[in-house]
PDB file of all heavy atoms in Angstrom:
ATOM      1  N   LEU A   1    -126.290 -59.855  24.014  1.00  0.00           N
ATOM      2  CA  LEU A   1    -126.213 -60.697  22.809  1.00  0.00           C
ATOM      3  C   LEU A   1    -126.171 -62.173  23.156  1.00  0.00           C
ATOM      4  O   LEU A   1    -126.636 -63.017  22.377  1.00  0.00           O
ATOM      5  CB  LEU A   1    -124.986 -60.344  21.983  1.00  0.00           C
ATOM      6  CG  LEU A   1    -125.067 -58.962  21.286  1.00  0.00           C
ATOM      7  CD1 LEU A   1    -123.754 -58.656  20.576  1.00  0.00           C
ATOM      8  CD2 LEU A   1    -126.233 -58.912  20.308  1.00  0.00           C
ATOM      9  N   LEU A   2    -125.639 -62.504  24.318  1.00  0.00           N
ATOM     10  CA  LEU A   2    -125.591 -63.906  24.709  1.00  0.00           C
ATOM     11  C   LEU A   2    -126.902 -64.411  25.278  1.00  0.00           C
ATOM     12  O   LEU A   2    -127.259 -65.580  25.177  1.00  0.00           O
ATOM     13  CB  LEU A   2    -124.482 -64.101  25.756  1.00  0.00           C
ATOM     14  CG  LEU A   2    -123.072 -63.969  25.223  1.00  0.00           C
ATOM     15  CD1 LEU A   2    -122.088 -64.084  26.357  1.00  0.00           C
ATOM     16  CD2 LEU A   2    -122.803 -65.044  24.186  1.00  0.00           C
ATOM     17  N   ILE A   3    -127.651 -63.540  25.891  1.00  0.00           N
ATOM     18  CA  ILE A   3    -128.862 -63.957  26.593  1.00  0.00           C
ATOM     19  C   ILE A   3    -130.145 -63.755  25.784  1.00  0.00           C
ATOM     20  O   ILE A   3    -131.006 -64.615  25.765  1.00  0.00           O
ATOM     21  CB  ILE A   3    -128.983 -63.241  27.952  1.00  0.00           C
ATOM     22  CG1 ILE A   3    -127.869 -63.752  28.862  1.00  0.00           C
ATOM     23  CG2 ILE A   3    -130.324 -63.448  28.577  1.00  0.00           C
ATOM     24  CD1 ILE A   3    -127.771 -63.035  30.156  1.00  0.00           C
ATOM     25  N   TYR A   4    -130.269 -62.635  25.125  1.00  0.00           N
ATOM     26  CA  TYR A   4    -131.540 -62.263  24.511  1.00  0.00           C
ATOM     27  C   TYR A   4    -132.138 -63.329  23.605  1.00  0.00           C
ATOM     28  O   TYR A   4    -133.298 -63.694  23.796  1.00  0.00           O
ATOM     29  CB  TYR A   4    -131.392 -60.934  23.767  1.00  0.00           C
ATOM     30  CG  TYR A   4    -132.639 -60.573  23.025  1.00  0.00           C
ATOM     31  CD1 TYR A   4    -133.798 -60.198  23.698  1.00  0.00           C
ATOM     32  CD2 TYR A   4    -132.682 -60.650  21.629  1.00  0.00           C
ATOM     33  CE1 TYR A   4    -134.973 -59.906  23.016  1.00  0.00           C
ATOM     34  CE2 TYR A   4    -133.834 -60.359  20.945  1.00  0.00           C
ATOM     35  CZ  TYR A   4    -134.960 -59.991  21.651  1.00  0.00           C
ATOM     36  OH  TYR A   4    -136.101 -59.711  20.967  1.00  0.00           O
ATOM     37  N   PRO A   5    -131.404 -63.837  22.632  1.00  0.00           N
ATOM     38  CA  PRO A   5    -132.108 -64.732  21.695  1.00  0.00           C
ATOM     39  C   PRO A   5    -132.111 -66.203  22.109  1.00  0.00           C
ATOM     40  O   PRO A   5    -131.969 -67.084  21.276  1.00  0.00           O
ATOM     41  CB  PRO A   5    -131.298 -64.518  20.412  1.00  0.00           C
ATOM     42  CG  PRO A   5    -129.956 -64.245  20.863  1.00  0.00           C
ATOM     43  CD  PRO A   5    -130.062 -63.534  22.186  1.00  0.00           C
ATOM     44  N   THR A   6    -132.270 -66.520  23.396  1.00  0.00           N
ATOM     45  CA  THR A   6    -132.311 -67.894  23.816  1.00  0.00           C
ATOM     46  C   THR A   6    -133.678 -68.484  23.527  1.00  0.00           C
ATOM     47  O   THR A   6    -134.705 -68.035  24.073  1.00  0.00           O
ATOM     48  CB  THR A   6    -131.961 -68.049  25.303  1.00  0.00           C
ATOM     49  OG1 THR A   6    -130.657 -67.499  25.510  1.00  0.00           O
ATOM     50  CG2 THR A   6    -131.978 -69.515  25.736  1.00  0.00           C
ATOM     51  N   LYS A   7    -133.714 -69.481  22.640  1.00  0.00           N
ATOM     52  CA  LYS A   7    -134.982 -70.133  22.281  1.00  0.00           C
ATOM     53  C   LYS A   7    -134.726 -71.531  21.741  1.00  0.00           C
ATOM     54  O   LYS A   7    -133.589 -71.856  21.396  1.00  0.00           O
ATOM     55  CB  LYS A   7    -135.751 -69.294  21.280  1.00  0.00           C
ATOM     56  CG  LYS A   7    -135.021 -69.039  19.973  1.00  0.00           C
ATOM     57  CD  LYS A   7    -135.826 -68.066  19.109  1.00  0.00           C
ATOM     58  CE  LYS A   7    -135.005 -67.590  17.942  1.00  0.00           C
ATOM     59  NZ  LYS A   7    -135.689 -66.576  17.181  1.00  0.00           N
ATOM     60  N   TYR A   8    -135.776 -72.305  21.717  1.00  0.00           N
ATOM     61  CA  TYR A   8    -135.729 -73.681  21.284  1.00  0.00           C
ATOM     62  C   TYR A   8    -136.763 -73.874  20.172  1.00  0.00           C
ATOM     63  O   TYR A   8    -137.925 -73.508  20.356  1.00  0.00           O
ATOM     64  CB  TYR A   8    -136.008 -74.627  22.450  1.00  0.00           C
ATOM     65  CG  TYR A   8    -135.322 -74.111  23.712  1.00  0.00           C
ATOM     66  CD1 TYR A   8    -136.041 -73.526  24.733  1.00  0.00           C
ATOM     67  CD2 TYR A   8    -133.947 -74.190  23.842  1.00  0.00           C
ATOM     68  CE1 TYR A   8    -135.405 -73.034  25.857  1.00  0.00           C
ATOM     69  CE2 TYR A   8    -133.291 -73.709  24.955  1.00  0.00           C
ATOM     70  CZ  TYR A   8    -134.057 -73.117  25.968  1.00  0.00           C
ATOM     71  OH  TYR A   8    -133.416 -72.602  27.064  1.00  0.00           O
ATOM     72  N   ILE A   9    -136.345 -74.420  19.024  1.00  0.00           N
ATOM     73  CA  ILE A   9    -137.231 -74.492  17.882  1.00  0.00           C
ATOM     74  C   ILE A   9    -137.359 -75.959  17.469  1.00  0.00           C
ATOM     75  O   ILE A   9    -136.347 -76.657  17.264  1.00  0.00           O
ATOM     76  CB  ILE A   9    -136.640 -73.693  16.704  1.00  0.00           C
ATOM     77  CG1 ILE A   9    -136.407 -72.257  17.133  1.00  0.00           C
ATOM     78  CG2 ILE A   9    -137.545 -73.794  15.498  1.00  0.00           C
ATOM     79  CD1 ILE A   9    -135.492 -71.454  16.210  1.00  0.00           C
ATOM     80  N   ILE A  10    -138.597 -76.428  17.382  1.00  0.00           N
ATOM     81  CA  ILE A  10    -138.843 -77.756  16.855  1.00  0.00           C
ATOM     82  C   ILE A  10    -139.157 -77.579  15.372  1.00  0.00           C
ATOM     83  O   ILE A  10    -140.127 -76.929  14.994  1.00  0.00           O
ATOM     84  CB  ILE A  10    -140.037 -78.453  17.604  1.00  0.00           C
ATOM     85  CG1 ILE A  10    -139.654 -78.674  19.040  1.00  0.00           C
ATOM     86  CG2 ILE A  10    -140.373 -79.755  16.890  1.00  0.00           C
ATOM     87  CD1 ILE A  10    -140.756 -79.258  19.894  1.00  0.00           C
ATOM     88  N   ASP A  11    -138.251 -78.151  14.557  1.00  0.00           N
ATOM     89  CA  ASP A  11    -138.347 -77.998  13.122  1.00  0.00           C
ATOM     90  C   ASP A  11    -138.328 -79.391  12.478  1.00  0.00           C
ATOM     91  O   ASP A  11    -137.248 -79.957  12.281  1.00  0.00           O
ATOM     92  CB  ASP A  11    -137.204 -77.130  12.589  1.00  0.00           C
ATOM     93  CG  ASP A  11    -137.234 -76.935  11.064  1.00  0.00           C
ATOM     94  OD1 ASP A  11    -138.306 -77.109  10.499  1.00  0.00           O
ATOM     95  OD2 ASP A  11    -136.178 -76.594  10.502  1.00  0.00           O
ATOM     96  N   GLY A  12    -139.504 -79.944  12.221  1.00  0.00           N
ATOM     97  CA  GLY A  12    -139.577 -81.284  11.660  1.00  0.00           C
ATOM     98  C   GLY A  12    -139.070 -82.283  12.707  1.00  0.00           C
ATOM     99  O   GLY A  12    -139.589 -82.354  13.787  1.00  0.00           O
ATOM    100  N   ASP A  13    -138.010 -83.025  12.369  1.00  0.00           N
ATOM    101  CA  ASP A  13    -137.425 -84.005  13.288  1.00  0.00           C
ATOM    102  C   ASP A  13    -136.217 -83.419  14.020  1.00  0.00           C
ATOM    103  O   ASP A  13    -135.441 -84.147  14.637  1.00  0.00           O
ATOM    104  CB  ASP A  13    -136.992 -85.261  12.506  1.00  0.00           C
ATOM    105  CG  ASP A  13    -136.447 -86.362  13.436  1.00  0.00           C
ATOM    106  OD1 ASP A  13    -137.084 -86.603  14.468  1.00  0.00           O
ATOM    107  OD2 ASP A  13    -135.375 -86.883  13.141  1.00  0.00           O
ATOM    108  N   ASN A  14    -136.065 -82.120  13.994  1.00  0.00           N
ATOM    109  CA  ASN A  14    -134.884 -81.527  14.643  1.00  0.00           C
ATOM    110  C   ASN A  14    -135.315 -80.567  15.747  1.00  0.00           C
ATOM    111  O   ASN A  14    -136.301 -79.862  15.618  1.00  0.00           O
ATOM    112  CB  ASN A  14    -134.046 -80.762  13.616  1.00  0.00           C
ATOM    113  CG  ASN A  14    -133.352 -81.679  12.653  1.00  0.00           C
ATOM    114  OD1 ASN A  14    -132.654 -82.571  13.061  1.00  0.00           O
ATOM    115  ND2 ASN A  14    -133.625 -81.481  11.359  1.00  0.00           N
ATOM    116  N   LEU A  15    -134.524 -80.572  16.795  1.00  0.00           N
ATOM    117  CA  LEU A  15    -134.635 -79.573  17.860  1.00  0.00           C
ATOM    118  C   LEU A  15    -133.444 -78.644  17.705  1.00  0.00           C
ATOM    119  O   LEU A  15    -132.288 -79.066  17.771  1.00  0.00           O
ATOM    120  CB  LEU A  15    -134.604 -80.244  19.252  1.00  0.00           C
ATOM    121  CG  LEU A  15    -134.499 -79.314  20.439  1.00  0.00           C
ATOM    122  CD1 LEU A  15    -135.691 -78.354  20.478  1.00  0.00           C
ATOM    123  CD2 LEU A  15    -134.394 -80.106  21.704  1.00  0.00           C
ATOM    124  N   LEU A  16    -133.738 -77.378  17.428  1.00  0.00           N
ATOM    125  CA  LEU A  16    -132.690 -76.381  17.269  1.00  0.00           C
ATOM    126  C   LEU A  16    -132.631 -75.563  18.537  1.00  0.00           C
ATOM    127  O   LEU A  16    -133.657 -75.050  19.006  1.00  0.00           O
ATOM    128  CB  LEU A  16    -132.976 -75.466  16.077  1.00  0.00           C
ATOM    129  CG  LEU A  16    -133.278 -76.166  14.750  1.00  0.00           C
ATOM    130  CD1 LEU A  16    -133.754 -75.204  13.707  1.00  0.00           C
ATOM    131  CD2 LEU A  16    -132.057 -76.907  14.259  1.00  0.00           C
ATOM    132  N   ILE A  17    -131.474 -75.422  19.101  1.00  0.00           N
ATOM    133  CA  ILE A  17    -131.263 -74.678  20.349  1.00  0.00           C
ATOM    134  C   ILE A  17    -130.433 -73.474  19.990  1.00  0.00           C
ATOM    135  O   ILE A  17    -129.321 -73.598  19.468  1.00  0.00           O
ATOM    136  CB  ILE A  17    -130.594 -75.547  21.413  1.00  0.00           C
ATOM    137  CG1 ILE A  17    -131.493 -76.745  21.709  1.00  0.00           C
ATOM    138  CG2 ILE A  17    -130.317 -74.729  22.661  1.00  0.00           C
ATOM    139  CD1 ILE A  17    -130.836 -77.794  22.548  1.00  0.00           C
ATOM    140  N   ARG A  18    -130.961 -72.296  20.292  1.00  0.00           N
ATOM    141  CA  ARG A  18    -130.245 -71.059  19.999  1.00  0.00           C
ATOM    142  C   ARG A  18    -130.061 -70.246  21.271  1.00  0.00           C
ATOM    143  O   ARG A  18    -131.028 -69.954  21.954  1.00  0.00           O
ATOM    144  CB  ARG A  18    -131.002 -70.222  18.966  1.00  0.00           C
ATOM    145  CG  ARG A  18    -130.277 -68.962  18.617  1.00  0.00           C
ATOM    146  CD  ARG A  18    -130.900 -68.265  17.430  1.00  0.00           C
ATOM    147  NE  ARG A  18    -130.052 -67.102  17.146  1.00  0.00           N
ATOM    148  CZ  ARG A  18    -130.563 -65.901  16.878  1.00  0.00           C
ATOM    149  NH1 ARG A  18    -131.829 -65.723  16.813  1.00  0.00           N
ATOM    150  NH2 ARG A  18    -129.738 -64.907  16.657  1.00  0.00           N
ATOM    151  N   CYS A  19    -128.821 -69.917  21.573  1.00  0.00           N
ATOM    152  CA  CYS A  19    -128.500 -69.104  22.742  1.00  0.00           C
ATOM    153  C   CYS A  19    -127.338 -68.210  22.349  1.00  0.00           C
ATOM    154  O   CYS A  19    -126.196 -68.641  22.271  1.00  0.00           O
ATOM    155  CB  CYS A  19    -128.137 -69.986  23.916  1.00  0.00           C
ATOM    156  SG  CYS A  19    -127.734 -69.077  25.395  1.00  0.00           S
ATOM    157  N   GLY A  20    -127.689 -66.950  22.072  1.00  0.00           N
ATOM    158  CA  GLY A  20    -126.644 -66.025  21.627  1.00  0.00           C
ATOM    159  C   GLY A  20    -126.050 -66.493  20.325  1.00  0.00           C
ATOM    160  O   GLY A  20    -126.785 -66.751  19.362  1.00  0.00           O
ATOM    161  N   PHE A  21    -124.746 -66.621  20.301  1.00  0.00           N
ATOM    162  CA  PHE A  21    -124.065 -67.079  19.083  1.00  0.00           C
ATOM    163  C   PHE A  21    -124.013 -68.582  18.962  1.00  0.00           C
ATOM    164  O   PHE A  21    -123.575 -69.128  17.956  1.00  0.00           O
ATOM    165  CB  PHE A  21    -122.635 -66.501  19.024  1.00  0.00           C
ATOM    166  CG  PHE A  21    -122.626 -64.999  19.023  1.00  0.00           C
ATOM    167  CD1 PHE A  21    -122.069 -64.281  20.083  1.00  0.00           C
ATOM    168  CD2 PHE A  21    -123.181 -64.290  17.976  1.00  0.00           C
ATOM    169  CE1 PHE A  21    -122.061 -62.910  20.088  1.00  0.00           C
ATOM    170  CE2 PHE A  21    -123.187 -62.899  17.967  1.00  0.00           C
ATOM    171  CZ  PHE A  21    -122.612 -62.219  19.040  1.00  0.00           C
ATOM    172  N   GLN A  22    -124.399 -69.286  20.019  1.00  0.00           N
ATOM    173  CA  GLN A  22    -124.351 -70.741  20.038  1.00  0.00           C
ATOM    174  C   GLN A  22    -125.603 -71.319  19.403  1.00  0.00           C
ATOM    175  O   GLN A  22    -126.720 -70.888  19.694  1.00  0.00           O
ATOM    176  CB  GLN A  22    -124.232 -71.220  21.492  1.00  0.00           C
ATOM    177  CG  GLN A  22    -124.227 -72.716  21.639  1.00  0.00           C
ATOM    178  CD  GLN A  22    -124.257 -73.150  23.089  1.00  0.00           C
ATOM    179  OE1 GLN A  22    -124.268 -72.329  24.025  1.00  0.00           O
ATOM    180  NE2 GLN A  22    -124.292 -74.440  23.324  1.00  0.00           N
ATOM    181  N   ARG A  23    -125.395 -72.293  18.552  1.00  0.00           N
ATOM    182  CA  ARG A  23    -126.517 -73.024  17.929  1.00  0.00           C
ATOM    183  C   ARG A  23    -126.226 -74.504  17.967  1.00  0.00           C
ATOM    184  O   ARG A  23    -125.122 -74.923  17.719  1.00  0.00           O
ATOM    185  CB  ARG A  23    -126.732 -72.564  16.487  1.00  0.00           C
ATOM    186  CG  ARG A  23    -127.295 -71.155  16.384  1.00  0.00           C
ATOM    187  CD  ARG A  23    -127.344 -70.672  14.961  1.00  0.00           C
ATOM    188  NE  ARG A  23    -127.981 -69.415  14.822  1.00  0.00           N
ATOM    189  CZ  ARG A  23    -127.495 -68.250  15.211  1.00  0.00           C
ATOM    190  NH1 ARG A  23    -126.323 -68.188  15.803  1.00  0.00           N
ATOM    191  NH2 ARG A  23    -128.139 -67.118  15.029  1.00  0.00           N
ATOM    192  N   LYS A  24    -127.248 -75.269  18.321  1.00  0.00           N
ATOM    193  CA  LYS A  24    -127.092 -76.731  18.389  1.00  0.00           C
ATOM    194  C   LYS A  24    -128.299 -77.360  17.764  1.00  0.00           C
ATOM    195  O   LYS A  24    -129.410 -76.915  17.943  1.00  0.00           O
ATOM    196  CB  LYS A  24    -126.929 -77.171  19.846  1.00  0.00           C
ATOM    197  CG  LYS A  24    -126.662 -78.682  19.957  1.00  0.00           C
ATOM    198  CD  LYS A  24    -126.081 -78.965  21.326  1.00  0.00           C
ATOM    199  CE  LYS A  24    -125.722 -80.429  21.464  1.00  0.00           C
ATOM    200  NZ  LYS A  24    -124.496 -80.812  20.835  1.00  0.00           N
TER     201      LYS A  24
END
């Protein structure tokens, strides 16, 4: 659960970082 969904999303002017339950 911590490793599988690690991805980086460019959404308009935002960079969304998703790693497990962590989101930035």
